[in-house]
Amino acid sequence: MDPNPRSFSLRPATQADFPAIRSLIHEVGINPMALDWQRFTIAVDTNDRLVGCGQIKLHGDGSRELASIAVLPEWRKQGVARAIIIHLLEAQPRPLYLTCRGGLGPLYEKFSFKDATDAVDLPPYFRRLARLARLFQRLGIFHERMLVMRLEG
């Protein structure tokens, strides 16, 4: 952790923030699908410049997903992702899901998410994702395991 943490604050995204959100999502290489600025909470520095973001996606099957957690590289280890995650989790009904690379599992376990990739009771959206992830891993398309994680009530 940086001995001199920088100051940031959280706020709801505005439409004017959307280009910066999209740019950050692409920069960090995470899923750019279903980015709706109205669902995002963003972290901004003292000049109101976006330094991190996250959203809750609503799926057609009624499930909810913690998604698009991204932080500028120079702002990592400053508590930005943690603050965004805690804020997003506060008002969400359970269960709540997320998908991530296997290496990120321990991060989300700190928030009580558990690996549900092989669970039989996943909502249809996440059941399809888990099946695809297993297939892609067997075919060698994914070099790292993809997890479906669940946070219970």
C-alpha atoms as a PDB file:
ATOM      1  CA  MET A   1       0.000   0.000   0.000  1.00  0.00           C
ATOM      2  CA  ASP A   2       1.237   3.464  -0.907  1.00  0.00           C
ATOM      3  CA  PRO A   3       2.423   5.267   2.261  1.00  0.00           C
ATOM      4  CA  ASN A   4       0.804   8.464   0.912  1.00  0.00           C
ATOM      5  CA  PRO A   5      -2.669   7.446  -0.238  1.00  0.00           C
ATOM      6  CA  ARG A   6      -4.345   9.860  -2.597  1.00  0.00           C
ATOM      7  CA  SER A   7      -7.725  11.370  -1.976  1.00  0.00           C
ATOM      8  CA  PHE A   8     -10.747  10.225  -3.958  1.00  0.00           C
ATOM      9  CA  SER A   9     -14.502  10.264  -3.585  1.00  0.00           C
ATOM     10  CA  LEU A  10     -17.371   8.201  -4.970  1.00  0.00           C
ATOM     11  CA  ARG A  11     -20.336   9.483  -6.907  1.00  0.00           C
ATOM     12  CA  PRO A  12     -22.943   8.248  -9.383  1.00  0.00           C
ATOM     13  CA  ALA A  13     -21.759   8.444 -12.978  1.00  0.00           C
ATOM     14  CA  THR A  14     -23.226  10.982 -15.365  1.00  0.00           C
ATOM     15  CA  GLN A  15     -23.614  10.670 -19.099  1.00  0.00           C
ATOM     16  CA  ALA A  16     -20.578  12.958 -19.475  1.00  0.00           C
ATOM     17  CA  ASP A  17     -18.495  10.307 -17.618  1.00  0.00           C
ATOM     18  CA  PHE A  18     -19.337   7.548 -20.087  1.00  0.00           C
ATOM     19  CA  PRO A  19     -16.387   8.057 -22.499  1.00  0.00           C
ATOM     20  CA  ALA A  20     -13.946   7.874 -19.559  1.00  0.00           C
ATOM     21  CA  ILE A  21     -15.705   4.758 -18.177  1.00  0.00           C
ATOM     22  CA  ARG A  22     -15.567   3.016 -21.557  1.00  0.00           C
ATOM     23  CA  SER A  23     -11.906   3.980 -21.984  1.00  0.00           C
ATOM     24  CA  LEU A  24     -10.971   2.611 -18.556  1.00  0.00           C
ATOM     25  CA  ILE A  25     -12.831  -0.666 -19.172  1.00  0.00           C
ATOM     26  CA  HIS A  26     -10.912  -1.128 -22.429  1.00  0.00           C
ATOM     27  CA  GLU A  27      -7.613  -0.115 -20.826  1.00  0.00           C
ATOM     28  CA  VAL A  28      -7.855  -2.767 -18.121  1.00  0.00           C
ATOM     29  CA  GLY A  29      -9.119  -5.417 -20.567  1.00  0.00           C
ATOM     30  CA  ILE A  30     -12.410  -6.468 -18.992  1.00  0.00           C
ATOM     31  CA  ASN A  31     -15.774  -7.236 -20.563  1.00  0.00           C
ATOM     32  CA  PRO A  32     -16.957  -4.134 -22.461  1.00  0.00           C
ATOM     33  CA  MET A  33     -20.503  -5.459 -22.960  1.00  0.00           C
ATOM     34  CA  ALA A  34     -23.578  -3.915 -21.305  1.00  0.00           C
ATOM     35  CA  LEU A  35     -21.926  -0.727 -20.127  1.00  0.00           C
ATOM     36  CA  ASP A  36     -24.740   1.561 -19.015  1.00  0.00           C
ATOM     37  CA  TRP A  37     -23.459   4.747 -17.378  1.00  0.00           C
ATOM     38  CA  GLN A  38     -26.646   5.002 -15.305  1.00  0.00           C
ATOM     39  CA  ARG A  39     -25.676   1.884 -13.308  1.00  0.00           C
ATOM     40  CA  PHE A  40     -22.123   2.998 -12.544  1.00  0.00           C
ATOM     41  CA  THR A  41     -20.582   4.342  -9.397  1.00  0.00           C
ATOM     42  CA  ILE A  42     -17.298   6.068 -10.107  1.00  0.00           C
ATOM     43  CA  ALA A  43     -14.318   7.107  -8.025  1.00  0.00           C
ATOM     44  CA  VAL A  44     -12.920  10.529  -8.872  1.00  0.00           C
ATOM     45  CA  ASP A  45      -9.812  12.386  -7.745  1.00  0.00           C
ATOM     46  CA  THR A  46      -9.868  15.900  -6.298  1.00  0.00           C
ATOM     47  CA  ASN A  47     -10.096  17.293  -9.858  1.00  0.00           C
ATOM     48  CA  ASP A  48     -13.187  15.117 -10.578  1.00  0.00           C
ATOM     49  CA  ARG A  49     -11.145  12.903 -12.926  1.00  0.00           C
ATOM     50  CA  LEU A  50     -12.288   9.280 -13.095  1.00  0.00           C
ATOM     51  CA  VAL A  51      -9.862   6.905 -11.364  1.00  0.00           C
ATOM     52  CA  GLY A  52     -12.113   3.851 -10.938  1.00  0.00           C
ATOM     53  CA  CYS A  53     -15.573   2.491 -11.619  1.00  0.00           C
ATOM     54  CA  GLY A  54     -18.016  -0.352 -11.060  1.00  0.00           C
ATOM     55  CA  GLN A  55     -21.617  -1.248 -11.796  1.00  0.00           C
ATOM     56  CA  ILE A  56     -24.403  -3.638 -10.949  1.00  0.00           C
ATOM     57  CA  LYS A  57     -25.752  -5.331 -14.091  1.00  0.00           C
ATOM     58  CA  LEU A  58     -29.322  -6.565 -14.150  1.00  0.00           C
ATOM     59  CA  HIS A  59     -29.906  -9.683 -16.256  1.00  0.00           C
ATOM     60  CA  GLY A  60     -33.079 -10.856 -17.985  1.00  0.00           C
ATOM     61  CA  ASP A  61     -33.395 -13.815 -15.616  1.00  0.00           C
ATOM     62  CA  GLY A  62     -33.604 -11.430 -12.639  1.00  0.00           C
ATOM     63  CA  SER A  63     -30.073 -12.036 -11.414  1.00  0.00           C
ATOM     64  CA  ARG A  64     -27.734  -9.186 -10.508  1.00  0.00           C
ATOM     65  CA  GLU A  65     -24.020  -8.999 -11.180  1.00  0.00           C
ATOM     66  CA  LEU A  66     -21.258  -6.964  -9.594  1.00  0.00           C
ATOM     67  CA  ALA A  67     -19.337  -5.981 -12.722  1.00  0.00           C
ATOM     68  CA  SER A  68     -16.926  -3.643 -14.455  1.00  0.00           C
ATOM     69  CA  ILE A  69     -14.723  -3.063 -11.401  1.00  0.00           C
ATOM     70  CA  ALA A  70     -11.786  -1.160 -12.868  1.00  0.00           C
ATOM     71  CA  VAL A  71      -9.129   1.153 -11.443  1.00  0.00           C
ATOM     72  CA  LEU A  72      -6.434   3.142 -13.226  1.00  0.00           C
ATOM     73  CA  PRO A  73      -3.078   1.388 -12.720  1.00  0.00           C
ATOM     74  CA  GLU A  74      -1.554   4.373 -10.914  1.00  0.00           C
ATOM     75  CA  TRP A  75      -4.466   4.372  -8.436  1.00  0.00           C
ATOM     76  CA  ARG A  76      -4.319   0.702  -7.496  1.00  0.00           C
ATOM     77  CA  LYS A  77      -3.623  -0.261  -3.876  1.00  0.00           C
ATOM     78  CA  GLN A  78      -5.217   2.990  -2.723  1.00  0.00           C
ATOM     79  CA  GLY A  79      -8.517   1.428  -1.602  1.00  0.00           C
ATOM     80  CA  VAL A  80     -10.432   2.562  -4.708  1.00  0.00           C
ATOM     81  CA  ALA A  81     -11.754  -0.843  -5.796  1.00  0.00           C
ATOM     82  CA  ARG A  82     -12.598  -1.736  -2.195  1.00  0.00           C
ATOM     83  CA  ALA A  83     -14.580   1.485  -1.708  1.00  0.00           C
ATOM     84  CA  ILE A  84     -16.487   0.969  -4.971  1.00  0.00           C
ATOM     85  CA  ILE A  85     -17.292  -2.661  -4.147  1.00  0.00           C
ATOM     86  CA  ILE A  86     -18.468  -1.870  -0.613  1.00  0.00           C
ATOM     87  CA  HIS A  87     -20.623   0.972  -1.906  1.00  0.00           C
ATOM     88  CA  LEU A  88     -22.206  -1.174  -4.624  1.00  0.00           C
ATOM     89  CA  LEU A  89     -22.852  -4.088  -2.261  1.00  0.00           C
ATOM     90  CA  GLU A  90     -24.579  -1.946   0.383  1.00  0.00           C
ATOM     91  CA  ALA A  91     -27.894  -1.563  -1.426  1.00  0.00           C
ATOM     92  CA  GLN A  92     -28.096  -4.825  -3.363  1.00  0.00           C
ATOM     93  CA  PRO A  93     -30.402  -7.730  -2.570  1.00  0.00           C
ATOM     94  CA  ARG A  94     -28.844 -11.170  -2.374  1.00  0.00           C
ATOM     95  CA  PRO A  95     -27.830 -13.367  -3.973  1.00  0.00           C
ATOM     96  CA  LEU A  96     -25.429 -11.305  -6.055  1.00  0.00           C
ATOM     97  CA  TYR A  97     -23.084 -12.779  -8.646  1.00  0.00           C
ATOM     98  CA  LEU A  98     -19.878 -11.862 -10.436  1.00  0.00           C
ATOM     99  CA  THR A  99     -17.571 -13.373 -13.006  1.00  0.00           C
ATOM    100  CA  CYS A 100     -13.813 -12.953 -12.904  1.00  0.00           C
ATOM    101  CA  ARG A 101     -10.493 -14.521 -13.782  1.00  0.00           C
ATOM    102  CA  GLY A 102      -9.444 -17.192 -11.307  1.00  0.00           C
ATOM    103  CA  GLY A 103      -6.605 -15.061  -9.993  1.00  0.00           C
ATOM    104  CA  LEU A 104      -9.088 -12.472  -8.758  1.00  0.00           C
ATOM    105  CA  GLY A 105     -11.087 -14.971  -6.701  1.00  0.00           C
ATOM    106  CA  PRO A 106      -9.209 -14.193  -3.454  1.00  0.00           C
ATOM    107  CA  LEU A 107     -10.012 -10.487  -3.823  1.00  0.00           C
ATOM    108  CA  TYR A 108     -13.731 -11.162  -3.996  1.00  0.00           C
ATOM    109  CA  GLU A 109     -13.572 -13.771  -1.228  1.00  0.00           C
ATOM    110  CA  LYS A 110     -12.669 -10.854   1.076  1.00  0.00           C
ATOM    111  CA  PHE A 111     -16.226  -9.609   0.446  1.00  0.00           C
ATOM    112  CA  SER A 112     -17.688 -13.079   1.204  1.00  0.00           C
ATOM    113  CA  PHE A 113     -18.183 -14.125  -2.435  1.00  0.00           C
ATOM    114  CA  LYS A 114     -17.741 -17.876  -2.940  1.00  0.00           C
ATOM    115  CA  ASP A 115     -16.863 -19.845  -6.069  1.00  0.00           C
ATOM    116  CA  ALA A 116     -20.139 -21.074  -7.561  1.00  0.00           C
ATOM    117  CA  THR A 117     -18.783 -22.093 -10.972  1.00  0.00           C
ATOM    118  CA  ASP A 118     -19.845 -25.705 -10.522  1.00  0.00           C
ATOM    119  CA  ALA A 119     -23.077 -24.998  -8.630  1.00  0.00           C
ATOM    120  CA  VAL A 120     -26.189 -26.578 -10.108  1.00  0.00           C
ATOM    121  CA  ASP A 121     -28.539 -23.847  -8.900  1.00  0.00           C
ATOM    122  CA  LEU A 122     -27.090 -20.903 -10.828  1.00  0.00           C
ATOM    123  CA  PRO A 123     -29.476 -18.543 -12.622  1.00  0.00           C
ATOM    124  CA  PRO A 124     -29.672 -19.291 -16.372  1.00  0.00           C
ATOM    125  CA  TYR A 125     -27.335 -16.420 -17.383  1.00  0.00           C
ATOM    126  CA  PHE A 126     -24.537 -17.579 -15.081  1.00  0.00           C
ATOM    127  CA  ARG A 127     -25.147 -21.278 -15.800  1.00  0.00           C
ATOM    128  CA  ARG A 128     -24.484 -20.532 -19.502  1.00  0.00           C
ATOM    129  CA  LEU A 129     -21.362 -18.528 -18.641  1.00  0.00           C
ATOM    130  CA  ALA A 130     -20.007 -21.289 -16.423  1.00  0.00           C
ATOM    131  CA  ARG A 131     -20.592 -23.883 -19.162  1.00  0.00           C
ATOM    132  CA  LEU A 132     -18.860 -21.701 -21.754  1.00  0.00           C
ATOM    133  CA  ALA A 133     -15.937 -21.036 -19.440  1.00  0.00           C
ATOM    134  CA  ARG A 134     -15.411 -24.764 -18.834  1.00  0.00           C
ATOM    135  CA  LEU A 135     -15.610 -25.437 -22.572  1.00  0.00           C
ATOM    136  CA  PHE A 136     -13.181 -22.647 -23.465  1.00  0.00           C
ATOM    137  CA  GLN A 137     -10.760 -23.837 -20.817  1.00  0.00           C
ATOM    138  CA  ARG A 138     -10.875 -27.427 -22.147  1.00  0.00           C
ATOM    139  CA  LEU A 139     -10.275 -26.117 -25.670  1.00  0.00           C
ATOM    140  CA  GLY A 140      -7.320 -24.058 -24.476  1.00  0.00           C
ATOM    141  CA  ILE A 141      -8.970 -20.730 -25.333  1.00  0.00           C
ATOM    142  CA  PHE A 142      -8.783 -19.537 -21.716  1.00  0.00           C
ATOM    143  CA  HIS A 143      -5.394 -19.909 -20.093  1.00  0.00           C
ATOM    144  CA  GLU A 144      -6.750 -18.939 -16.696  1.00  0.00           C
ATOM    145  CA  ARG A 145      -9.863 -20.370 -15.092  1.00  0.00           C
ATOM    146  CA  MET A 146     -12.900 -18.125 -15.151  1.00  0.00           C
ATOM    147  CA  LEU A 147     -14.983 -18.085 -11.978  1.00  0.00           C
ATOM    148  CA  VAL A 148     -18.645 -17.467 -11.349  1.00  0.00           C
ATOM    149  CA  MET A 149     -18.916 -16.292  -7.757  1.00  0.00           C
ATOM    150  CA  ARG A 150     -21.965 -15.812  -5.553  1.00  0.00           C
ATOM    151  CA  LEU A 151     -22.632 -13.667  -2.498  1.00  0.00           C
ATOM    152  CA  GLU A 152     -25.440 -15.037  -0.348  1.00  0.00           C
ATOM    153  CA  GLY A 153     -27.684 -13.085   2.011  1.00  0.00           C
END
